[in-house]
Each structure stands twice: as C-alpha cells, then as structure tokens.
Amino acid sequence: MIVLFLVGSCAAKLLSMWLAGRVAGFRGLDLVNLAITTNARGGPGIVLASVAFDAGIISPQFYTTLVIAAVVTSQMAGAWLDYVLGKKWPLLTPKPQELQASEMDDSPLAA
C-alpha cells in the first residue's frame, strides 16, 4: 500500500504542479524545482494523518502510509535541492524585467 500510495500521490502532485507552473509562465528547470519541492508533505502531512487517525477516519495501516509518505517526500525535496545547489544551478530563473529592475537599482542614477 505504501508504494502504491507514494507513487500515485507523487505523480498526481507533480503533474498538477507542473501544469500550474506552465500556466504561471515557468519553464524548464524552474518547473522541476517547483514540482519537486511542493511535493513535500512534511509536518503538516503528519499532523493531518494524526488528526484523521485520532478521529477514527483512517486505519492504522493508512496512518503509517501517510506518515511514511510525508517523511519520504520531504527527504526527496531536500535531496533534490541539495543536488541543484551543489551544481550551482539557480532555483528560479529571474525574468527579464526583474533583471532590468536590479540593474537599475545598482546604477549611480538610482540614488
């Protein structure tokens, strides 16, 4: 159950974030970075699983699945970010208008 849930939930999250990123104007590595990092469930996933378990909504087996998914996806995001930063790749590529604005801030006329 753990493997099925992890693969299915990650695929759904990565696809939906990729589509949302495309609509928002992100491309290439920016999309991958956004999709992988927003896939992390972390602490909120564990809290939600605990509340659902305490309320009797989910079984002990599914509770374990949710907690493991939260831990594994958080570790995946951390490992990915470590890899990207180790390669000295940008996490997000600045847009041309952002570059122009930062260049204007550095000019002597901006003061």
PDB file of N, CA and C in Angstrom:
ATOM      1  N   MET A   1       0.829  -1.195   0.000  1.00  0.00           N
ATOM      2  CA  MET A   1       0.000   0.000   0.000  1.00  0.00           C
ATOM      3  C   MET A   1       0.872   1.256   0.000  1.00  0.00           C
ATOM      4  N   ILE A   2       1.999   1.190   0.701  1.00  0.00           N
ATOM      5  CA  ILE A   2       2.865   2.368   0.808  1.00  0.00           C
ATOM      6  C   ILE A   2       3.398   2.769  -0.557  1.00  0.00           C
ATOM      7  N   VAL A   3       3.906   1.811  -1.291  1.00  0.00           N
ATOM      8  CA  VAL A   3       4.492   2.109  -2.607  1.00  0.00           C
ATOM      9  C   VAL A   3       3.430   2.642  -3.565  1.00  0.00           C
ATOM     10  N   LEU A   4       2.271   2.001  -3.584  1.00  0.00           N
ATOM     11  CA  LEU A   4       1.189   2.452  -4.466  1.00  0.00           C
ATOM     12  C   LEU A   4       0.754   3.871  -4.135  1.00  0.00           C
ATOM     13  N   PHE A   5       0.563   4.152  -2.848  1.00  0.00           N
ATOM     14  CA  PHE A   5       0.142   5.493  -2.441  1.00  0.00           C
ATOM     15  C   PHE A   5       1.216   6.516  -2.774  1.00  0.00           C
ATOM     16  N   LEU A   6       2.465   6.195  -2.474  1.00  0.00           N
ATOM     17  CA  LEU A   6       3.562   7.137  -2.714  1.00  0.00           C
ATOM     18  C   LEU A   6       3.706   7.452  -4.197  1.00  0.00           C
ATOM     19  N   VAL A   7       3.684   6.442  -5.033  1.00  0.00           N
ATOM     20  CA  VAL A   7       3.817   6.664  -6.479  1.00  0.00           C
ATOM     21  C   VAL A   7       2.622   7.439  -7.027  1.00  0.00           C
ATOM     22  N   GLY A   8       1.425   7.030  -6.646  1.00  0.00           N
ATOM     23  CA  GLY A   8       0.221   7.694  -7.149  1.00  0.00           C
ATOM     24  C   GLY A   8       0.099   9.135  -6.690  1.00  0.00           C
ATOM     25  N   SER A   9       0.321   9.371  -5.395  1.00  0.00           N
ATOM     26  CA  SER A   9       0.175  10.735  -4.879  1.00  0.00           C
ATOM     27  C   SER A   9       1.272  11.655  -5.412  1.00  0.00           C
ATOM     28  N   CYS A  10       2.488  11.131  -5.548  1.00  0.00           N
ATOM     29  CA  CYS A  10       3.571  11.951  -6.097  1.00  0.00           C
ATOM     30  C   CYS A  10       3.323  12.277  -7.569  1.00  0.00           C
ATOM     31  N   ALA A  11       2.843  11.299  -8.317  1.00  0.00           N
ATOM     32  CA  ALA A  11       2.559  11.547  -9.733  1.00  0.00           C
ATOM     33  C   ALA A  11       1.470  12.611  -9.887  1.00  0.00           C
ATOM     34  N   ALA A  12       0.419  12.509  -9.084  1.00  0.00           N
ATOM     35  CA  ALA A  12      -0.661  13.497  -9.165  1.00  0.00           C
ATOM     36  C   ALA A  12      -0.172  14.894  -8.766  1.00  0.00           C
ATOM     37  N   LYS A  13       0.607  14.968  -7.709  1.00  0.00           N
ATOM     38  CA  LYS A  13       1.109  16.263  -7.234  1.00  0.00           C
ATOM     39  C   LYS A  13       2.091  16.871  -8.235  1.00  0.00           C
ATOM     40  N   LEU A  14       3.009  16.063  -8.758  1.00  0.00           N
ATOM     41  CA  LEU A  14       3.997  16.581  -9.711  1.00  0.00           C
ATOM     42  C   LEU A  14       3.320  17.058 -10.995  1.00  0.00           C
ATOM     43  N   LEU A  15       2.357  16.293 -11.486  1.00  0.00           N
ATOM     44  CA  LEU A  15       1.651  16.679 -12.708  1.00  0.00           C
ATOM     45  C   LEU A  15       0.845  17.962 -12.498  1.00  0.00           C
ATOM     46  N   SER A  16       0.126  18.042 -11.390  1.00  0.00           N
ATOM     47  CA  SER A  16      -0.690  19.246 -11.150  1.00  0.00           C
ATOM     48  C   SER A  16       0.186  20.477 -10.950  1.00  0.00           C
ATOM     49  N   MET A  17       1.310  20.337 -10.264  1.00  0.00           N
ATOM     50  CA  MET A  17       2.193  21.481 -10.071  1.00  0.00           C
ATOM     51  C   MET A  17       2.877  21.867 -11.381  1.00  0.00           C
ATOM     52  N   TRP A  18       3.206  20.871 -12.200  1.00  0.00           N
ATOM     53  CA  TRP A  18       3.816  21.163 -13.488  1.00  0.00           C
ATOM     54  C   TRP A  18       2.840  21.961 -14.357  1.00  0.00           C
ATOM     55  N   LEU A  19       1.576  21.539 -14.376  1.00  0.00           N
ATOM     56  CA  LEU A  19       0.564  22.253 -15.162  1.00  0.00           C
ATOM     57  C   LEU A  19       0.351  23.672 -14.629  1.00  0.00           C
ATOM     58  N   ALA A  20       0.263  23.816 -13.320  1.00  0.00           N
ATOM     59  CA  ALA A  20       0.079  25.149 -12.728  1.00  0.00           C
ATOM     60  C   ALA A  20       1.279  26.040 -13.015  1.00  0.00           C
ATOM     61  N   GLY A  21       2.471  25.474 -12.951  1.00  0.00           N
ATOM     62  CA  GLY A  21       3.683  26.243 -13.250  1.00  0.00           C
ATOM     63  C   GLY A  21       3.729  26.700 -14.698  1.00  0.00           C
ATOM     64  N   ARG A  22       3.307  25.840 -15.598  1.00  0.00           N
ATOM     65  CA  ARG A  22       3.265  26.222 -17.018  1.00  0.00           C
ATOM     66  C   ARG A  22       2.300  27.383 -17.236  1.00  0.00           C
ATOM     67  N   VAL A  23       1.129  27.306 -16.601  1.00  0.00           N
ATOM     68  CA  VAL A  23       0.145  28.379 -16.723  1.00  0.00           C
ATOM     69  C   VAL A  23       0.703  29.679 -16.137  1.00  0.00           C
ATOM     70  N   ALA A  24       1.488  29.559 -15.073  1.00  0.00           N
ATOM     71  CA  ALA A  24       2.060  30.742 -14.424  1.00  0.00           C
ATOM     72  C   ALA A  24       3.263  31.298 -15.179  1.00  0.00           C
ATOM     73  N   GLY A  25       3.729  30.585 -16.208  1.00  0.00           N
ATOM     74  CA  GLY A  25       4.808  31.105 -17.029  1.00  0.00           C
ATOM     75  C   GLY A  25       6.182  30.537 -16.730  1.00  0.00           C
ATOM     76  N   PHE A  26       6.274  29.518 -15.883  1.00  0.00           N
ATOM     77  CA  PHE A  26       7.565  28.907 -15.594  1.00  0.00           C
ATOM     78  C   PHE A  26       7.909  27.877 -16.655  1.00  0.00           C
ATOM     79  N   ARG A  27       9.197  27.683 -16.898  1.00  0.00           N
ATOM     80  CA  ARG A  27       9.664  26.735 -17.902  1.00  0.00           C
ATOM     81  C   ARG A  27      10.890  25.992 -17.392  1.00  0.00           C
ATOM     82  N   GLY A  28      11.203  24.863 -17.992  1.00  0.00           N
ATOM     83  CA  GLY A  28      12.442  24.128 -17.765  1.00  0.00           C
ATOM     84  C   GLY A  28      12.682  23.711 -16.327  1.00  0.00           C
ATOM     85  N   LEU A  29      13.905  23.985 -15.856  1.00  0.00           N
ATOM     86  CA  LEU A  29      14.318  23.583 -14.517  1.00  0.00           C
ATOM     87  C   LEU A  29      13.472  24.246 -13.439  1.00  0.00           C
ATOM     88  N   ASP A  30      12.973  25.434 -13.701  1.00  0.00           N
ATOM     89  CA  ASP A  30      12.090  26.104 -12.739  1.00  0.00           C
ATOM     90  C   ASP A  30      10.868  25.235 -12.432  1.00  0.00           C
ATOM     91  N   LEU A  31      10.288  24.637 -13.468  1.00  0.00           N
ATOM     92  CA  LEU A  31       9.124  23.760 -13.285  1.00  0.00           C
ATOM     93  C   LEU A  31       9.479  22.538 -12.448  1.00  0.00           C
ATOM     94  N   VAL A  32      10.614  21.942 -12.730  1.00  0.00           N
ATOM     95  CA  VAL A  32      11.037  20.753 -11.988  1.00  0.00           C
ATOM     96  C   VAL A  32      11.262  21.111 -10.522  1.00  0.00           C
ATOM     97  N   ASN A  33      11.957  22.215 -10.264  1.00  0.00           N
ATOM     98  CA  ASN A  33      12.211  22.639  -8.883  1.00  0.00           C
ATOM     99  C   ASN A  33      10.914  22.900  -8.130  1.00  0.00           C
ATOM    100  N   LEU A  34       9.986  23.592  -8.745  1.00  0.00           N
ATOM    101  CA  LEU A  34       8.707  23.872  -8.101  1.00  0.00           C
ATOM    102  C   LEU A  34       7.919  22.586  -7.832  1.00  0.00           C
ATOM    103  N   ALA A  35       7.866  21.720  -8.820  1.00  0.00           N
ATOM    104  CA  ALA A  35       7.089  20.489  -8.680  1.00  0.00           C
ATOM    105  C   ALA A  35       7.651  19.591  -7.578  1.00  0.00           C
ATOM    106  N   ILE A  36       8.956  19.415  -7.545  1.00  0.00           N
ATOM    107  CA  ILE A  36       9.550  18.517  -6.550  1.00  0.00           C
ATOM    108  C   ILE A  36       9.457  19.102  -5.145  1.00  0.00           C
ATOM    109  N   THR A  37       9.711  20.386  -5.004  1.00  0.00           N
ATOM    110  CA  THR A  37       9.688  20.964  -3.657  1.00  0.00           C
ATOM    111  C   THR A  37       8.276  21.100  -3.100  1.00  0.00           C
ATOM    112  N   THR A  38       7.290  21.356  -3.934  1.00  0.00           N
ATOM    113  CA  THR A  38       5.926  21.434  -3.414  1.00  0.00           C
ATOM    114  C   THR A  38       5.321  20.051  -3.186  1.00  0.00           C
ATOM    115  N   ASN A  39       5.983  19.009  -3.642  1.00  0.00           N
ATOM    116  CA  ASN A  39       5.532  17.645  -3.397  1.00  0.00           C
ATOM    117  C   ASN A  39       5.784  17.228  -1.945  1.00  0.00           C
ATOM    118  N   ALA A  40       6.676  17.914  -1.252  1.00  0.00           N
ATOM    119  CA  ALA A  40       6.989  17.567   0.141  1.00  0.00           C
ATOM    120  C   ALA A  40       5.765  17.797   1.027  1.00  0.00           C
ATOM    121  N   ARG A  41       5.442  16.807   1.823  1.00  0.00           N
ATOM    122  CA  ARG A  41       4.277  16.925   2.698  1.00  0.00           C
ATOM    123  C   ARG A  41       4.666  17.318   4.114  1.00  0.00           C
ATOM    124  N   GLY A  42       5.794  16.863   4.602  1.00  0.00           N
ATOM    125  CA  GLY A  42       6.376  17.283   5.864  1.00  0.00           C
ATOM    126  C   GLY A  42       5.472  17.211   7.075  1.00  0.00           C
ATOM    127  N   GLY A  43       5.718  18.135   7.996  1.00  0.00           N
ATOM    128  CA  GLY A  43       4.996  18.189   9.258  1.00  0.00           C
ATOM    129  C   GLY A  43       3.487  18.288   9.119  1.00  0.00           C
ATOM    130  N   PRO A  44       2.980  19.164   8.236  1.00  0.00           N
ATOM    131  CA  PRO A  44       1.523  19.234   8.087  1.00  0.00           C
ATOM    132  C   PRO A  44       0.886  17.906   7.664  1.00  0.00           C
ATOM    133  N   GLY A  45       1.595  17.134   6.864  1.00  0.00           N
ATOM    134  CA  GLY A  45       1.072  15.825   6.465  1.00  0.00           C
ATOM    135  C   GLY A  45       0.969  14.874   7.651  1.00  0.00           C
ATOM    136  N   ILE A  46       1.959  14.935   8.537  1.00  0.00           N
ATOM    137  CA  ILE A  46       1.947  14.075   9.724  1.00  0.00           C
ATOM    138  C   ILE A  46       0.840  14.515  10.685  1.00  0.00           C
ATOM    139  N   VAL A  47       0.688  15.835  10.854  1.00  0.00           N
ATOM    140  CA  VAL A  47      -0.375  16.339  11.733  1.00  0.00           C
ATOM    141  C   VAL A  47      -1.750  15.935  11.203  1.00  0.00           C
ATOM    142  N   LEU A  48      -1.963  16.108   9.921  1.00  0.00           N
ATOM    143  CA  LEU A  48      -3.247  15.737   9.325  1.00  0.00           C
ATOM    144  C   LEU A  48      -3.512  14.242   9.474  1.00  0.00           C
ATOM    145  N   ALA A  49      -2.486  13.426   9.252  1.00  0.00           N
ATOM    146  CA  ALA A  49      -2.641  11.981   9.420  1.00  0.00           C
ATOM    147  C   ALA A  49      -2.980  11.645  10.876  1.00  0.00           C
ATOM    148  N   SER A  50      -2.348  12.320  11.821  1.00  0.00           N
ATOM    149  CA  SER A  50      -2.611  12.061  13.247  1.00  0.00           C
ATOM    150  C   SER A  50      -4.035  12.441  13.629  1.00  0.00           C
ATOM    151  N   VAL A  51      -4.493  13.580  13.144  1.00  0.00           N
ATOM    152  CA  VAL A  51      -5.866  14.017  13.441  1.00  0.00           C
ATOM    153  C   VAL A  51      -6.867  13.039  12.842  1.00  0.00           C
ATOM    154  N   ALA A  52      -6.639  12.627  11.597  1.00  0.00           N
ATOM    155  CA  ALA A  52      -7.555  11.686  10.943  1.00  0.00           C
ATOM    156  C   ALA A  52      -7.549  10.340  11.666  1.00  0.00           C
ATOM    157  N   PHE A  53      -6.400   9.901  12.134  1.00  0.00           N
ATOM    158  CA  PHE A  53      -6.315   8.636  12.857  1.00  0.00           C
ATOM    159  C   PHE A  53      -7.016   8.724  14.209  1.00  0.00           C
ATOM    160  N   ASP A  54      -6.766   9.823  14.933  1.00  0.00           N
ATOM    161  CA  ASP A  54      -7.422  10.012  16.237  1.00  0.00           C
ATOM    162  C   ASP A  54      -8.942  10.097  16.101  1.00  0.00           C
ATOM    163  N   ALA A  55      -9.416  10.644  14.992  1.00  0.00           N
ATOM    164  CA  ALA A  55     -10.857  10.759  14.755  1.00  0.00           C
ATOM    165  C   ALA A  55     -11.460   9.440  14.270  1.00  0.00           C
ATOM    166  N   GLY A  56     -10.621   8.452  14.005  1.00  0.00           N
ATOM    167  CA  GLY A  56     -11.109   7.154  13.544  1.00  0.00           C
ATOM    168  C   GLY A  56     -11.470   7.117  12.079  1.00  0.00           C
ATOM    169  N   ILE A  57     -10.990   8.092  11.320  1.00  0.00           N
ATOM    170  CA  ILE A  57     -11.318   8.172   9.894  1.00  0.00           C
ATOM    171  C   ILE A  57     -10.479   7.204   9.074  1.00  0.00           C
ATOM    172  N   ILE A  58      -9.229   6.976   9.505  1.00  0.00           N
ATOM    173  CA  ILE A  58      -8.318   6.117   8.746  1.00  0.00           C
ATOM    174  C   ILE A  58      -7.823   4.972   9.625  1.00  0.00           C
ATOM    175  N   SER A  59      -7.374   3.920   8.978  1.00  0.00           N
ATOM    176  CA  SER A  59      -6.864   2.734   9.678  1.00  0.00           C
ATOM    177  C   SER A  59      -5.418   2.956  10.108  1.00  0.00           C
ATOM    178  N   PRO A  60      -4.917   2.129  11.027  1.00  0.00           N
ATOM    179  CA  PRO A  60      -3.503   2.240  11.416  1.00  0.00           C
ATOM    180  C   PRO A  60      -2.555   2.044  10.225  1.00  0.00           C
ATOM    181  N   GLN A  61      -2.921   1.165   9.308  1.00  0.00           N
ATOM    182  CA  GLN A  61      -2.068   0.924   8.141  1.00  0.00           C
ATOM    183  C   GLN A  61      -1.988   2.168   7.252  1.00  0.00           C
ATOM    184  N   PHE A  62      -3.136   2.831   7.043  1.00  0.00           N
ATOM    185  CA  PHE A  62      -3.119   4.019   6.198  1.00  0.00           C
ATOM    186  C   PHE A  62      -2.435   5.185   6.917  1.00  0.00           C
ATOM    187  N   TYR A  63      -2.571   5.254   8.238  1.00  0.00           N
ATOM    188  CA  TYR A  63      -1.856   6.264   9.022  1.00  0.00           C
ATOM    189  C   TYR A  63      -0.346   6.117   8.803  1.00  0.00           C
ATOM    190  N   THR A  64       0.128   4.880   8.896  1.00  0.00           N
ATOM    191  CA  THR A  64       1.554   4.614   8.675  1.00  0.00           C
ATOM    192  C   THR A  64       1.963   5.016   7.262  1.00  0.00           C
ATOM    193  N   THR A  65       1.113   4.710   6.290  1.00  0.00           N
ATOM    194  CA  THR A  65       1.387   5.083   4.907  1.00  0.00           C
ATOM    195  C   THR A  65       1.515   6.592   4.755  1.00  0.00           C
ATOM    196  N   LEU A  66       0.604   7.346   5.371  1.00  0.00           N
ATOM    197  CA  LEU A  66       0.647   8.808   5.270  1.00  0.00           C
ATOM    198  C   LEU A  66       1.892   9.392   5.938  1.00  0.00           C
ATOM    199  N   VAL A  67       2.268   8.858   7.090  1.00  0.00           N
ATOM    200  CA  VAL A  67       3.458   9.359   7.787  1.00  0.00           C
ATOM    201  C   VAL A  67       4.716   9.051   6.975  1.00  0.00           C
ATOM    202  N   ILE A  68       4.811   7.851   6.453  1.00  0.00           N
ATOM    203  CA  ILE A  68       5.979   7.499   5.627  1.00  0.00           C
ATOM    204  C   ILE A  68       6.024   8.363   4.375  1.00  0.00           C
ATOM    205  N   ALA A  69       4.875   8.619   3.755  1.00  0.00           N
ATOM    206  CA  ALA A  69       4.838   9.486   2.570  1.00  0.00           C
ATOM    207  C   ALA A  69       5.312  10.897   2.923  1.00  0.00           C
ATOM    208  N   ALA A  70       4.920  11.402   4.078  1.00  0.00           N
ATOM    209  CA  ALA A  70       5.351  12.740   4.495  1.00  0.00           C
ATOM    210  C   ALA A  70       6.862  12.796   4.671  1.00  0.00           C
ATOM    211  N   VAL A  71       7.417  11.786   5.300  1.00  0.00           N
ATOM    212  CA  VAL A  71       8.863  11.759   5.538  1.00  0.00           C
ATOM    213  C   VAL A  71       9.628  11.577   4.226  1.00  0.00           C
ATOM    214  N   VAL A  72       9.208  10.630   3.410  1.00  0.00           N
ATOM    215  CA  VAL A  72       9.920  10.327   2.159  1.00  0.00           C
ATOM    216  C   VAL A  72       9.871  11.513   1.190  1.00  0.00           C
ATOM    217  N   THR A  73       8.706  12.136   1.029  1.00  0.00           N
ATOM    218  CA  THR A  73       8.622  13.263   0.088  1.00  0.00           C
ATOM    219  C   THR A  73       9.424  14.461   0.580  1.00  0.00           C
ATOM    220  N   SER A  74       9.493  14.660   1.882  1.00  0.00           N
ATOM    221  CA  SER A  74      10.319  15.752   2.414  1.00  0.00           C
ATOM    222  C   SER A  74      11.795  15.465   2.171  1.00  0.00           C
ATOM    223  N   GLN A  75      12.202  14.223   2.344  1.00  0.00           N
ATOM    224  CA  GLN A  75      13.594  13.842   2.082  1.00  0.00           C
ATOM    225  C   GLN A  75      13.932  13.980   0.601  1.00  0.00           C
ATOM    226  N   MET A  76      12.973  13.620  -0.271  1.00  0.00           N
ATOM    227  CA  MET A  76      13.201  13.754  -1.715  1.00  0.00           C
ATOM    228  C   MET A  76      13.407  15.220  -2.097  1.00  0.00           C
ATOM    229  N   ALA A  77      12.592  16.095  -1.535  1.00  0.00           N
ATOM    230  CA  ALA A  77      12.722  17.521  -1.844  1.00  0.00           C
ATOM    231  C   ALA A  77      14.054  18.056  -1.351  1.00  0.00           C
ATOM    232  N   GLY A  78      14.437  17.673  -0.147  1.00  0.00           N
ATOM    233  CA  GLY A  78      15.725  18.127   0.389  1.00  0.00           C
ATOM    234  C   GLY A  78      16.896  17.622  -0.439  1.00  0.00           C
ATOM    235  N   ALA A  79      16.847  16.367  -0.832  1.00  0.00           N
ATOM    236  CA  ALA A  79      17.917  15.796  -1.658  1.00  0.00           C
ATOM    237  C   ALA A  79      17.990  16.497  -3.014  1.00  0.00           C
ATOM    238  N   TRP A  80      16.820  16.795  -3.601  1.00  0.00           N
ATOM    239  CA  TRP A  80      16.802  17.488  -4.894  1.00  0.00           C
ATOM    240  C   TRP A  80      17.401  18.889  -4.773  1.00  0.00           C
ATOM    241  N   LEU A  81      17.002  19.633  -3.751  1.00  0.00           N
ATOM    242  CA  LEU A  81      17.532  20.985  -3.563  1.00  0.00           C
ATOM    243  C   LEU A  81      19.030  20.957  -3.312  1.00  0.00           C
ATOM    244  N   ASP A  82      19.501  19.975  -2.552  1.00  0.00           N
ATOM    245  CA  ASP A  82      20.937  19.831  -2.315  1.00  0.00           C
ATOM    246  C   ASP A  82      21.679  19.565  -3.624  1.00  0.00           C
ATOM    247  N   TYR A  83      21.092  18.739  -4.472  1.00  0.00           N
ATOM    248  CA  TYR A  83      21.687  18.425  -5.778  1.00  0.00           C
ATOM    249  C   TYR A  83      21.753  19.676  -6.662  1.00  0.00           C
ATOM    250  N   VAL A  84      20.638  20.407  -6.730  1.00  0.00           N
ATOM    251  CA  VAL A  84      20.569  21.606  -7.574  1.00  0.00           C
ATOM    252  C   VAL A  84      21.558  22.663  -7.092  1.00  0.00           C
ATOM    253  N   LEU A  85      21.590  22.898  -5.806  1.00  0.00           N
ATOM    254  CA  LEU A  85      22.515  23.908  -5.265  1.00  0.00           C
ATOM    255  C   LEU A  85      23.960  23.452  -5.382  1.00  0.00           C
ATOM    256  N   GLY A  86      24.202  22.140  -5.276  1.00  0.00           N
ATOM    257  CA  GLY A  86      25.553  21.605  -5.460  1.00  0.00           C
ATOM    258  C   GLY A  86      26.064  21.819  -6.882  1.00  0.00           C
ATOM    259  N   LYS A  87      25.162  21.772  -7.846  1.00  0.00           N
ATOM    260  CA  LYS A  87      25.516  22.023  -9.252  1.00  0.00           C
ATOM    261  C   LYS A  87      25.597  23.519  -9.562  1.00  0.00           C
ATOM    262  N   LYS A  88      25.232  24.347  -8.560  1.00  0.00           N
ATOM    263  CA  LYS A  88      25.207  25.808  -8.705  1.00  0.00           C
ATOM    264  C   LYS A  88      24.207  26.270  -9.770  1.00  0.00           C
ATOM    265  N   TRP A  89      23.116  25.512  -9.895  1.00  0.00           N
ATOM    266  CA  TRP A  89      22.024  25.900 -10.771  1.00  0.00           C
ATOM    267  C   TRP A  89      21.103  26.847 -10.009  1.00  0.00           C
ATOM    268  N   PRO A  90      20.445  27.770 -10.692  1.00  0.00           N
ATOM    269  CA  PRO A  90      19.508  28.654  -9.978  1.00  0.00           C
ATOM    270  C   PRO A  90      18.247  27.885  -9.597  1.00  0.00           C
ATOM    271  N   LEU A  91      17.679  28.221  -8.440  1.00  0.00           N
ATOM    272  CA  LEU A  91      16.420  27.592  -8.044  1.00  0.00           C
ATOM    273  C   LEU A  91      15.280  28.099  -8.912  1.00  0.00           C
ATOM    274  N   LEU A  92      15.281  29.390  -9.205  1.00  0.00           N
ATOM    275  CA  LEU A  92      14.330  30.002 -10.133  1.00  0.00           C
ATOM    276  C   LEU A  92      15.101  30.972 -11.018  1.00  0.00           C
ATOM    277  N   THR A  93      14.828  30.938 -12.286  1.00  0.00           N
ATOM    278  CA  THR A  93      15.485  31.839 -13.224  1.00  0.00           C
ATOM    279  C   THR A  93      14.803  33.203 -13.170  1.00  0.00           C
ATOM    280  N   PRO A  94      15.570  34.273 -12.988  1.00  0.00           N
ATOM    281  CA  PRO A  94      14.930  35.601 -12.957  1.00  0.00           C
ATOM    282  C   PRO A  94      14.334  35.949 -14.315  1.00  0.00           C
ATOM    283  N   LYS A  95      13.213  36.626 -14.283  1.00  0.00           N
ATOM    284  CA  LYS A  95      12.558  37.093 -15.502  1.00  0.00           C
ATOM    285  C   LYS A  95      13.306  38.315 -16.027  1.00  0.00           C
ATOM    286  N   PRO A  96      13.245  38.604 -17.333  1.00  0.00           N
ATOM    287  CA  PRO A  96      13.982  39.750 -17.896  1.00  0.00           C
ATOM    288  C   PRO A  96      13.648  41.070 -17.195  1.00  0.00           C
ATOM    289  N   GLN A  97      12.380  41.298 -16.851  1.00  0.00           N
ATOM    290  CA  GLN A  97      12.024  42.558 -16.198  1.00  0.00           C
ATOM    291  C   GLN A  97      12.621  42.644 -14.792  1.00  0.00           C
ATOM    292  N   GLU A  98      12.819  41.502 -14.117  1.00  0.00           N
ATOM    293  CA  GLU A  98      13.458  41.507 -12.803  1.00  0.00           C
ATOM    294  C   GLU A  98      14.937  41.853 -12.928  1.00  0.00           C
ATOM    295  N   LEU A  99      15.568  41.350 -13.991  1.00  0.00           N
ATOM    296  CA  LEU A  99      16.971  41.675 -14.221  1.00  0.00           C
ATOM    297  C   LEU A  99      17.149  43.164 -14.485  1.00  0.00           C
ATOM    298  N   GLN A 100      16.277  43.744 -15.291  1.00  0.00           N
ATOM    299  CA  GLN A 100      16.362  45.173 -15.587  1.00  0.00           C
ATOM    300  C   GLN A 100      16.172  45.994 -14.321  1.00  0.00           C
ATOM    301  N   ALA A 101      15.244  45.590 -13.465  1.00  0.00           N
ATOM    302  CA  ALA A 101      14.984  46.325 -12.222  1.00  0.00           C
ATOM    303  C   ALA A 101      16.187  46.261 -11.302  1.00  0.00           C
ATOM    304  N   SER A 102      16.844  45.100 -11.209  1.00  0.00           N
ATOM    305  CA  SER A 102      18.009  45.003 -10.329  1.00  0.00           C
ATOM    306  C   SER A 102      19.187  45.789 -10.887  1.00  0.00           C
ATOM    307  N   GLU A 103      19.308  45.861 -12.216  1.00  0.00           N
ATOM    308  CA  GLU A 103      20.376  46.661 -12.817  1.00  0.00           C
ATOM    309  C   GLU A 103      20.131  48.143 -12.568  1.00  0.00           C
ATOM    310  N   MET A 104      18.874  48.555 -12.589  1.00  0.00           N
ATOM    311  CA  MET A 104      18.553  49.960 -12.341  1.00  0.00           C
ATOM    312  C   MET A 104      18.851  50.324 -10.889  1.00  0.00           C
ATOM    313  N   ASP A 105      18.650  49.394  -9.959  1.00  0.00           N
ATOM    314  CA  ASP A 105      18.930  49.652  -8.554  1.00  0.00           C
ATOM    315  C   ASP A 105      20.423  49.864  -8.319  1.00  0.00           C
ATOM    316  N   ASP A 106      21.272  49.210  -9.126  1.00  0.00           N
ATOM    317  CA  ASP A 106      22.719  49.318  -8.965  1.00  0.00           C
ATOM    318  C   ASP A 106      23.318  50.528  -9.677  1.00  0.00           C
ATOM    319  N   SER A 107      22.547  51.213 -10.488  1.00  0.00           N
ATOM    320  CA  SER A 107      23.106  52.331 -11.236  1.00  0.00           C
ATOM    321  C   SER A 107      23.309  53.543 -10.331  1.00  0.00           C
ATOM    322  N   PRO A 108      24.288  54.409 -10.647  1.00  0.00           N
ATOM    323  CA  PRO A 108      24.547  55.586  -9.819  1.00  0.00           C
ATOM    324  C   PRO A 108      23.382  56.584  -9.855  1.00  0.00           C
ATOM    325  N   LEU A 109      22.564  56.537 -10.897  1.00  0.00           N
ATOM    326  CA  LEU A 109      21.439  57.452 -11.002  1.00  0.00           C
ATOM    327  C   LEU A 109      20.280  57.078 -10.093  1.00  0.00           C
ATOM    328  N   ALA A 110      20.262  55.839  -9.615  1.00  0.00           N
ATOM    329  CA  ALA A 110      19.158  55.365  -8.785  1.00  0.00           C
ATOM    330  C   ALA A 110      19.204  55.978  -7.385  1.00  0.00           C
ATOM    331  N   ALA A 111      20.336  56.488  -6.985  1.00  0.00           N
ATOM    332  CA  ALA A 111      20.498  57.010  -5.613  1.00  0.00           C
ATOM    333  C   ALA A 111      19.906  58.363  -5.448  1.00  0.00           C
TER     334      ALA A 111
END
